[in-house]
Amino acid sequence: MADFRRFIASSEYFSGYEVFIDITLHNSLDNIVNYFYEHLMKTLVDNKFEVLIEYLKKRKLHIHDFTFEDIKQMNPDNVNYVCDHY
């Protein structure tokens, strides 16, 4: 059974970008972050945002303060932030 969570970019350039991710298809924060990255990259490529594509390639997306288990236990209405700051 699908279990979607809301992930939003916390970023100077991508702030507000939102993806609903079925966490039953993932087994770690890294998997979630990679999915978020690929979703964002596809959006940028599809819309030919060349400067933002190059910017994203240089960034390290991450989720801090929470583990994968924490996210699984959270209320599905919570917002989870994916950051790209260092």
Protein backbone atom coordinates (compact mmCIF):
# COMPACT_ATOMS: atom_id res chain seq x y z
CA MET A 1 0.00 0.00 0.00
CA ALA A 2 1.39 3.39 -1.01
CA ASP A 3 2.49 5.78 1.73
CA PHE A 4 3.20 9.22 0.28
CA ARG A 5 5.17 11.94 2.02
CA ARG A 6 5.63 15.55 0.99
CA PHE A 7 9.19 16.74 0.27
CA ILE A 8 9.96 20.38 -0.51
CA ALA A 9 13.28 21.94 -1.53
CA SER A 10 14.87 24.27 0.99
CA SER A 11 17.21 26.07 -1.35
CA GLU A 12 18.18 29.50 -2.61
CA TYR A 13 17.22 28.59 -6.19
CA PHE A 14 14.84 25.64 -5.86
CA SER A 15 12.88 26.68 -2.77
CA GLY A 16 9.29 25.52 -2.95
CA TYR A 17 9.88 22.71 -5.45
CA GLU A 18 7.64 19.94 -4.18
CA VAL A 19 7.48 16.19 -4.76
CA PHE A 20 5.19 13.63 -3.17
CA ILE A 21 7.19 10.44 -2.72
CA ASP A 22 5.84 6.98 -1.94
CA ILE A 23 8.22 5.96 0.85
CA THR A 24 7.25 2.28 0.51
CA LEU A 25 9.36 2.25 -2.68
CA HIS A 26 12.48 3.41 -0.81
CA ASN A 27 14.60 2.03 2.02
CA SER A 28 16.82 4.96 3.01
CA LEU A 29 17.14 8.73 3.07
CA ASP A 30 19.69 8.46 0.27
CA ASN A 31 17.13 6.74 -1.96
CA ILE A 32 14.56 9.46 -1.24
CA VAL A 33 17.08 12.23 -1.89
CA ASN A 34 18.17 10.57 -5.15
CA TYR A 35 14.55 10.29 -6.28
CA PHE A 36 13.95 13.95 -5.41
CA TYR A 37 17.13 14.95 -7.30
CA GLU A 38 16.14 12.96 -10.40
CA HIS A 39 12.61 14.42 -10.34
CA LEU A 40 13.97 17.98 -10.04
CA MET A 41 16.62 17.37 -12.71
CA LYS A 42 14.01 15.99 -15.13
CA THR A 43 11.87 19.08 -14.59
CA LEU A 44 14.84 21.36 -15.29
CA VAL A 45 15.90 19.38 -18.38
CA ASP A 46 12.34 19.19 -19.75
CA ASN A 47 12.08 22.98 -19.45
CA LYS A 48 15.63 23.68 -20.69
CA PHE A 49 16.78 25.54 -17.56
CA GLU A 50 20.43 25.15 -18.51
CA VAL A 51 21.95 27.39 -15.82
CA LEU A 52 19.90 25.70 -13.09
CA ILE A 53 20.84 22.26 -14.41
CA GLU A 54 24.53 23.11 -14.02
CA TYR A 55 23.88 24.59 -10.58
CA LEU A 56 22.03 21.46 -9.42
CA LYS A 57 24.84 19.20 -10.66
CA LYS A 58 27.20 20.97 -8.23
CA ARG A 59 24.92 20.72 -5.21
CA LYS A 60 24.70 17.99 -2.57
CA LEU A 61 21.06 17.44 -1.67
CA HIS A 62 20.36 16.06 1.78
CA ILE A 63 17.81 15.69 4.56
CA HIS A 64 19.13 16.50 7.99
CA ASP A 65 17.74 16.15 11.51
CA PHE A 66 15.69 13.07 10.59
CA THR A 67 16.35 9.43 9.78
CA PHE A 68 14.42 7.33 7.32
CA GLU A 69 12.71 5.65 10.28
CA ASP A 70 11.69 9.07 11.65
CA ILE A 71 10.05 9.96 8.35
CA LYS A 72 8.21 6.63 8.23
CA GLN A 73 6.79 7.33 11.71
CA MET A 74 5.80 10.95 11.03
CA ASN A 75 2.32 12.13 10.31
CA PRO A 76 1.87 11.91 6.52
CA ASP A 77 0.77 15.56 6.53
CA ASN A 78 4.20 16.72 7.75
CA VAL A 79 6.46 18.55 5.34
CA ASN A 80 9.99 17.17 4.91
CA TYR A 81 12.67 19.49 3.57
CA VAL A 82 15.42 18.55 1.14
CA CYS A 83 18.30 21.03 1.46
CA ASP A 84 21.18 21.88 -0.82
CA HIS A 85 23.26 24.11 1.44
CA TYR A 86 26.59 22.97 2.80
